[in-house]
Amino acid sequence: MIIEIGIVAGDIWHYLDEHGEVTLKELTAGIDKDRDMVLMSLGWLAREGHVMVERTDDHRICLRK
């Protein structure tokens, strides 16, 4: 499972690099992955300091500059 989380983390990074700031719903639909897998991968990216997550009604996510 750790390999899949890493692969999805890469998909997320590339999606955010191309689209900029998006909502969690947009991200999940955009990379066409299971929401739980997206959340685990976002946690990985956040822990590594690669993304910022803003807590709003629908979480906003972007790459850390």
PDB file of N, CA and C in Angstrom:
ATOM      1  N   MET A   1       0.821  -1.195   0.000  1.00  0.00           N
ATOM      2  CA  MET A   1       0.000   0.000   0.000  1.00  0.00           C
ATOM      3  C   MET A   1       0.863   1.257   0.000  1.00  0.00           C
ATOM      4  N   ILE A   2       2.032   1.212   0.659  1.00  0.00           N
ATOM      5  CA  ILE A   2       2.885   2.398   0.735  1.00  0.00           C
ATOM      6  C   ILE A   2       3.331   2.841  -0.661  1.00  0.00           C
ATOM      7  N   ILE A   3       3.519   1.884  -1.555  1.00  0.00           N
ATOM      8  CA  ILE A   3       3.910   2.234  -2.925  1.00  0.00           C
ATOM      9  C   ILE A   3       2.779   2.974  -3.628  1.00  0.00           C
ATOM     10  N   GLU A   4       1.540   2.500  -3.452  1.00  0.00           N
ATOM     11  CA  GLU A   4       0.391   3.166  -4.075  1.00  0.00           C
ATOM     12  C   GLU A   4       0.208   4.578  -3.517  1.00  0.00           C
ATOM     13  N   ILE A   5       0.410   4.749  -2.214  1.00  0.00           N
ATOM     14  CA  ILE A   5       0.301   6.077  -1.611  1.00  0.00           C
ATOM     15  C   ILE A   5       1.328   7.013  -2.239  1.00  0.00           C
ATOM     16  N   GLY A   6       2.538   6.529  -2.425  1.00  0.00           N
ATOM     17  CA  GLY A   6       3.576   7.341  -3.057  1.00  0.00           C
ATOM     18  C   GLY A   6       3.262   7.689  -4.498  1.00  0.00           C
ATOM     19  N   ILE A   7       2.709   6.745  -5.233  1.00  0.00           N
ATOM     20  CA  ILE A   7       2.342   7.004  -6.635  1.00  0.00           C
ATOM     21  C   ILE A   7       1.236   8.056  -6.705  1.00  0.00           C
ATOM     22  N   VAL A   8       0.228   7.923  -5.854  1.00  0.00           N
ATOM     23  CA  VAL A   8      -0.866   8.899  -5.833  1.00  0.00           C
ATOM     24  C   VAL A   8      -0.346  10.266  -5.373  1.00  0.00           C
ATOM     25  N   ALA A   9       0.597  10.284  -4.435  1.00  0.00           N
ATOM     26  CA  ALA A   9       1.203  11.553  -4.011  1.00  0.00           C
ATOM     27  C   ALA A   9       1.857  12.248  -5.204  1.00  0.00           C
ATOM     28  N   GLY A  10       2.519  11.477  -6.055  1.00  0.00           N
ATOM     29  CA  GLY A  10       3.099  12.047  -7.271  1.00  0.00           C
ATOM     30  C   GLY A  10       2.043  12.578  -8.218  1.00  0.00           C
ATOM     31  N   ASP A  11       0.946  11.831  -8.357  1.00  0.00           N
ATOM     32  CA  ASP A  11      -0.173  12.292  -9.191  1.00  0.00           C
ATOM     33  C   ASP A  11      -0.735  13.609  -8.663  1.00  0.00           C
ATOM     34  N   ILE A  12      -0.875  13.704  -7.348  1.00  0.00           N
ATOM     35  CA  ILE A  12      -1.387  14.925  -6.721  1.00  0.00           C
ATOM     36  C   ILE A  12      -0.442  16.084  -6.990  1.00  0.00           C
ATOM     37  N   TRP A  13       0.852  15.859  -6.797  1.00  0.00           N
ATOM     38  CA  TRP A  13       1.835  16.926  -6.992  1.00  0.00           C
ATOM     39  C   TRP A  13       1.752  17.450  -8.424  1.00  0.00           C
ATOM     40  N   HIS A  14       1.703  16.552  -9.401  1.00  0.00           N
ATOM     41  CA  HIS A  14       1.629  16.975 -10.803  1.00  0.00           C
ATOM     42  C   HIS A  14       0.312  17.701 -11.103  1.00  0.00           C
ATOM     43  N   TYR A  15      -0.787  17.227 -10.526  1.00  0.00           N
ATOM     44  CA  TYR A  15      -2.083  17.873 -10.736  1.00  0.00           C
ATOM     45  C   TYR A  15      -2.071  19.299 -10.172  1.00  0.00           C
ATOM     46  N   LEU A  16      -1.540  19.448  -8.961  1.00  0.00           N
ATOM     47  CA  LEU A  16      -1.479  20.776  -8.346  1.00  0.00           C
ATOM     48  C   LEU A  16      -0.524  21.693  -9.094  1.00  0.00           C
ATOM     49  N   ASP A  17       0.566  21.165  -9.593  1.00  0.00           N
ATOM     50  CA  ASP A  17       1.521  21.958 -10.359  1.00  0.00           C
ATOM     51  C   ASP A  17       0.864  22.505 -11.626  1.00  0.00           C
ATOM     52  N   GLU A  18      -0.015  21.717 -12.220  1.00  0.00           N
ATOM     53  CA  GLU A  18      -0.694  22.132 -13.452  1.00  0.00           C
ATOM     54  C   GLU A  18      -1.903  23.027 -13.194  1.00  0.00           C
ATOM     55  N   HIS A  19      -2.658  22.771 -12.105  1.00  0.00           N
ATOM     56  CA  HIS A  19      -3.934  23.459 -11.879  1.00  0.00           C
ATOM     57  C   HIS A  19      -3.906  24.518 -10.778  1.00  0.00           C
ATOM     58  N   GLY A  20      -2.852  24.582 -10.001  1.00  0.00           N
ATOM     59  CA  GLY A  20      -2.804  25.551  -8.906  1.00  0.00           C
ATOM     60  C   GLY A  20      -3.679  25.106  -7.742  1.00  0.00           C
ATOM     61  N   GLU A  21      -4.230  26.063  -7.030  1.00  0.00           N
ATOM     62  CA  GLU A  21      -5.049  25.765  -5.848  1.00  0.00           C
ATOM     63  C   GLU A  21      -6.385  25.150  -6.254  1.00  0.00           C
ATOM     64  N   VAL A  22      -6.742  24.045  -5.609  1.00  0.00           N
ATOM     65  CA  VAL A  22      -7.997  23.345  -5.904  1.00  0.00           C
ATOM     66  C   VAL A  22      -8.643  22.912  -4.597  1.00  0.00           C
ATOM     67  N   THR A  23      -9.908  22.517  -4.690  1.00  0.00           N
ATOM     68  CA  THR A  23     -10.583  21.954  -3.529  1.00  0.00           C
ATOM     69  C   THR A  23     -10.302  20.452  -3.471  1.00  0.00           C
ATOM     70  N   LEU A  24     -10.553  19.870  -2.322  1.00  0.00           N
ATOM     71  CA  LEU A  24     -10.378  18.427  -2.171  1.00  0.00           C
ATOM     72  C   LEU A  24     -11.267  17.676  -3.162  1.00  0.00           C
ATOM     73  N   LYS A  25     -12.488  18.150  -3.353  1.00  0.00           N
ATOM     74  CA  LYS A  25     -13.415  17.509  -4.293  1.00  0.00           C
ATOM     75  C   LYS A  25     -12.871  17.576  -5.715  1.00  0.00           C
ATOM     76  N   GLU A  26     -12.353  18.740  -6.124  1.00  0.00           N
ATOM     77  CA  GLU A  26     -11.780  18.895  -7.464  1.00  0.00           C
ATOM     78  C   GLU A  26     -10.565  17.982  -7.641  1.00  0.00           C
ATOM     79  N   LEU A  27      -9.735  17.910  -6.613  1.00  0.00           N
ATOM     80  CA  LEU A  27      -8.539  17.077  -6.684  1.00  0.00           C
ATOM     81  C   LEU A  27      -8.895  15.607  -6.827  1.00  0.00           C
ATOM     82  N   THR A  28      -9.819  15.136  -6.003  1.00  0.00           N
ATOM     83  CA  THR A  28     -10.222  13.732  -6.048  1.00  0.00           C
ATOM     84  C   THR A  28     -10.801  13.381  -7.417  1.00  0.00           C
ATOM     85  N   ALA A  29     -11.629  14.256  -7.958  1.00  0.00           N
ATOM     86  CA  ALA A  29     -12.210  14.015  -9.286  1.00  0.00           C
ATOM     87  C   ALA A  29     -11.147  14.144 -10.378  1.00  0.00           C
ATOM     88  N   GLY A  30     -10.244  15.088 -10.215  1.00  0.00           N
ATOM     89  CA  GLY A  30      -9.241  15.360 -11.239  1.00  0.00           C
ATOM     90  C   GLY A  30      -8.233  14.248 -11.436  1.00  0.00           C
ATOM     91  N   ILE A  31      -7.859  13.574 -10.351  1.00  0.00           N
ATOM     92  CA  ILE A  31      -6.894  12.480 -10.508  1.00  0.00           C
ATOM     93  C   ILE A  31      -7.580  11.122 -10.521  1.00  0.00           C
ATOM     94  N   ASP A  32      -8.892  11.114 -10.342  1.00  0.00           N
ATOM     95  CA  ASP A  32      -9.714   9.904 -10.433  1.00  0.00           C
ATOM     96  C   ASP A  32      -9.191   8.778  -9.533  1.00  0.00           C
ATOM     97  N   LYS A  33      -8.988   9.127  -8.258  1.00  0.00           N
ATOM     98  CA  LYS A  33      -8.551   8.155  -7.261  1.00  0.00           C
ATOM     99  C   LYS A  33      -9.540   8.155  -6.103  1.00  0.00           C
ATOM    100  N   ASP A  34      -9.552   7.064  -5.366  1.00  0.00           N
ATOM    101  CA  ASP A  34     -10.393   6.924  -4.194  1.00  0.00           C
ATOM    102  C   ASP A  34     -10.071   8.027  -3.178  1.00  0.00           C
ATOM    103  N   ARG A  35     -11.096   8.598  -2.572  1.00  0.00           N
ATOM    104  CA  ARG A  35     -10.921   9.713  -1.632  1.00  0.00           C
ATOM    105  C   ARG A  35      -9.999   9.341  -0.474  1.00  0.00           C
ATOM    106  N   ASP A  36     -10.130   8.135   0.047  1.00  0.00           N
ATOM    107  CA  ASP A  36      -9.269   7.715   1.156  1.00  0.00           C
ATOM    108  C   ASP A  36      -7.800   7.684   0.732  1.00  0.00           C
ATOM    109  N   MET A  37      -7.531   7.206  -0.466  1.00  0.00           N
ATOM    110  CA  MET A  37      -6.157   7.171  -0.965  1.00  0.00           C
ATOM    111  C   MET A  37      -5.624   8.579  -1.166  1.00  0.00           C
ATOM    112  N   VAL A  38      -6.470   9.479  -1.668  1.00  0.00           N
ATOM    113  CA  VAL A  38      -6.068  10.879  -1.843  1.00  0.00           C
ATOM    114  C   VAL A  38      -5.726  11.492  -0.481  1.00  0.00           C
ATOM    115  N   LEU A  39      -6.527  11.221   0.518  1.00  0.00           N
ATOM    116  CA  LEU A  39      -6.267  11.776   1.854  1.00  0.00           C
ATOM    117  C   LEU A  39      -4.964  11.235   2.444  1.00  0.00           C
ATOM    118  N   MET A  40      -4.716   9.948   2.282  1.00  0.00           N
ATOM    119  CA  MET A  40      -3.457   9.385   2.787  1.00  0.00           C
ATOM    120  C   MET A  40      -2.261  10.000   2.065  1.00  0.00           C
ATOM    121  N   SER A  41      -2.378  10.169   0.773  1.00  0.00           N
ATOM    122  CA  SER A  41      -1.290  10.742  -0.015  1.00  0.00           C
ATOM    123  C   SER A  41      -1.085  12.214   0.310  1.00  0.00           C
ATOM    124  N   LEU A  42      -2.170  12.940   0.538  1.00  0.00           N
ATOM    125  CA  LEU A  42      -2.062  14.342   0.956  1.00  0.00           C
ATOM    126  C   LEU A  42      -1.366  14.445   2.300  1.00  0.00           C
ATOM    127  N   GLY A  43      -1.677  13.528   3.198  1.00  0.00           N
ATOM    128  CA  GLY A  43      -1.008  13.512   4.497  1.00  0.00           C
ATOM    129  C   GLY A  43       0.485  13.338   4.337  1.00  0.00           C
ATOM    130  N   TRP A  44       0.882  12.464   3.443  1.00  0.00           N
ATOM    131  CA  TRP A  44       2.300  12.239   3.165  1.00  0.00           C
ATOM    132  C   TRP A  44       2.936  13.542   2.660  1.00  0.00           C
ATOM    133  N   LEU A  45       2.289  14.158   1.658  1.00  0.00           N
ATOM    134  CA  LEU A  45       2.825  15.396   1.087  1.00  0.00           C
ATOM    135  C   LEU A  45       2.866  16.526   2.111  1.00  0.00           C
ATOM    136  N   ALA A  46       1.853  16.607   2.943  1.00  0.00           N
ATOM    137  CA  ALA A  46       1.816  17.649   3.978  1.00  0.00           C
ATOM    138  C   ALA A  46       2.923  17.423   5.004  1.00  0.00           C
ATOM    139  N   ARG A  47       3.122  16.182   5.402  1.00  0.00           N
ATOM    140  CA  ARG A  47       4.170  15.852   6.381  1.00  0.00           C
ATOM    141  C   ARG A  47       5.546  16.201   5.846  1.00  0.00           C
ATOM    142  N   GLU A  48       5.735  16.020   4.542  1.00  0.00           N
ATOM    143  CA  GLU A  48       7.009  16.335   3.903  1.00  0.00           C
ATOM    144  C   GLU A  48       7.135  17.833   3.583  1.00  0.00           C
ATOM    145  N   GLY A  49       6.051  18.603   3.795  1.00  0.00           N
ATOM    146  CA  GLY A  49       6.097  20.041   3.571  1.00  0.00           C
ATOM    147  C   GLY A  49       5.910  20.460   2.128  1.00  0.00           C
ATOM    148  N   HIS A  50       5.328  19.601   1.304  1.00  0.00           N
ATOM    149  CA  HIS A  50       5.156  19.911  -0.115  1.00  0.00           C
ATOM    150  C   HIS A  50       3.831  20.588  -0.451  1.00  0.00           C
ATOM    151  N   VAL A  51       2.826  20.453   0.409  1.00  0.00           N
ATOM    152  CA  VAL A  51       1.523  21.061   0.141  1.00  0.00           C
ATOM    153  C   VAL A  51       1.042  21.843   1.355  1.00  0.00           C
ATOM    154  N   MET A  52       0.144  22.759   1.064  1.00  0.00           N
ATOM    155  CA  MET A  52      -0.551  23.490   2.125  1.00  0.00           C
ATOM    156  C   MET A  52      -2.037  23.182   1.989  1.00  0.00           C
ATOM    157  N   VAL A  53      -2.685  22.930   3.105  1.00  0.00           N
ATOM    158  CA  VAL A  53      -4.113  22.645   3.118  1.00  0.00           C
ATOM    159  C   VAL A  53      -4.783  23.704   3.976  1.00  0.00           C
ATOM    160  N   GLU A  54      -5.707  24.436   3.392  1.00  0.00           N
ATOM    161  CA  GLU A  54      -6.455  25.464   4.111  1.00  0.00           C
ATOM    162  C   GLU A  54      -7.805  24.881   4.497  1.00  0.00           C
ATOM    163  N   ARG A  55      -8.107  24.943   5.755  1.00  0.00           N
ATOM    164  CA  ARG A  55      -9.358  24.374   6.260  1.00  0.00           C
ATOM    165  C   ARG A  55     -10.501  25.347   6.005  1.00  0.00           C
ATOM    166  N   THR A  56     -11.332  25.026   5.030  1.00  0.00           N
ATOM    167  CA  THR A  56     -12.527  25.804   4.697  1.00  0.00           C
ATOM    168  C   THR A  56     -13.688  24.823   4.618  1.00  0.00           C
ATOM    169  N   ASP A  57     -14.833  25.273   4.107  1.00  0.00           N
ATOM    170  CA  ASP A  57     -15.961  24.353   3.933  1.00  0.00           C
ATOM    171  C   ASP A  57     -15.551  23.147   3.092  1.00  0.00           C
ATOM    172  N   ASP A  58     -14.821  23.401   2.028  1.00  0.00           N
ATOM    173  CA  ASP A  58     -14.265  22.329   1.198  1.00  0.00           C
ATOM    174  C   ASP A  58     -12.762  22.609   1.103  1.00  0.00           C
ATOM    175  N   HIS A  59     -11.977  21.880   1.823  1.00  0.00           N
ATOM    176  CA  HIS A  59     -10.545  22.141   1.988  1.00  0.00           C
ATOM    177  C   HIS A  59      -9.881  22.594   0.686  1.00  0.00           C
ATOM    178  N   ARG A  60      -9.067  23.644   0.770  1.00  0.00           N
ATOM    179  CA  ARG A  60      -8.324  24.163  -0.369  1.00  0.00           C
ATOM    180  C   ARG A  60      -6.891  23.658  -0.264  1.00  0.00           C
ATOM    181  N   ILE A  61      -6.337  23.195  -1.376  1.00  0.00           N
ATOM    182  CA  ILE A  61      -5.030  22.561  -1.380  1.00  0.00           C
ATOM    183  C   ILE A  61      -4.179  23.199  -2.471  1.00  0.00           C
ATOM    184  N   CYS A  62      -2.912  23.470  -2.151  1.00  0.00           N
ATOM    185  CA  CYS A  62      -1.979  23.980  -3.153  1.00  0.00           C
ATOM    186  C   CYS A  62      -0.569  23.528  -2.792  1.00  0.00           C
ATOM    187  N   LEU A  63       0.329  23.634  -3.768  1.00  0.00           N
ATOM    188  CA  LEU A  63       1.731  23.330  -3.516  1.00  0.00           C
ATOM    189  C   LEU A  63       2.339  24.438  -2.687  1.00  0.00           C
ATOM    190  N   ARG A  64       3.268  24.087  -1.804  1.00  0.00           N
ATOM    191  CA  ARG A  64       4.009  25.080  -1.031  1.00  0.00           C
ATOM    192  C   ARG A  64       5.048  25.681  -1.955  1.00  0.00           C
ATOM    193  N   LYS A  65       5.133  26.988  -1.974  1.00  0.00           N
ATOM    194  CA  LYS A  65       6.089  27.689  -2.847  1.00  0.00           C
ATOM    195  C   LYS A  65       7.429  27.790  -2.183  1.00  0.00           C
TER     196      LYS A  65
END
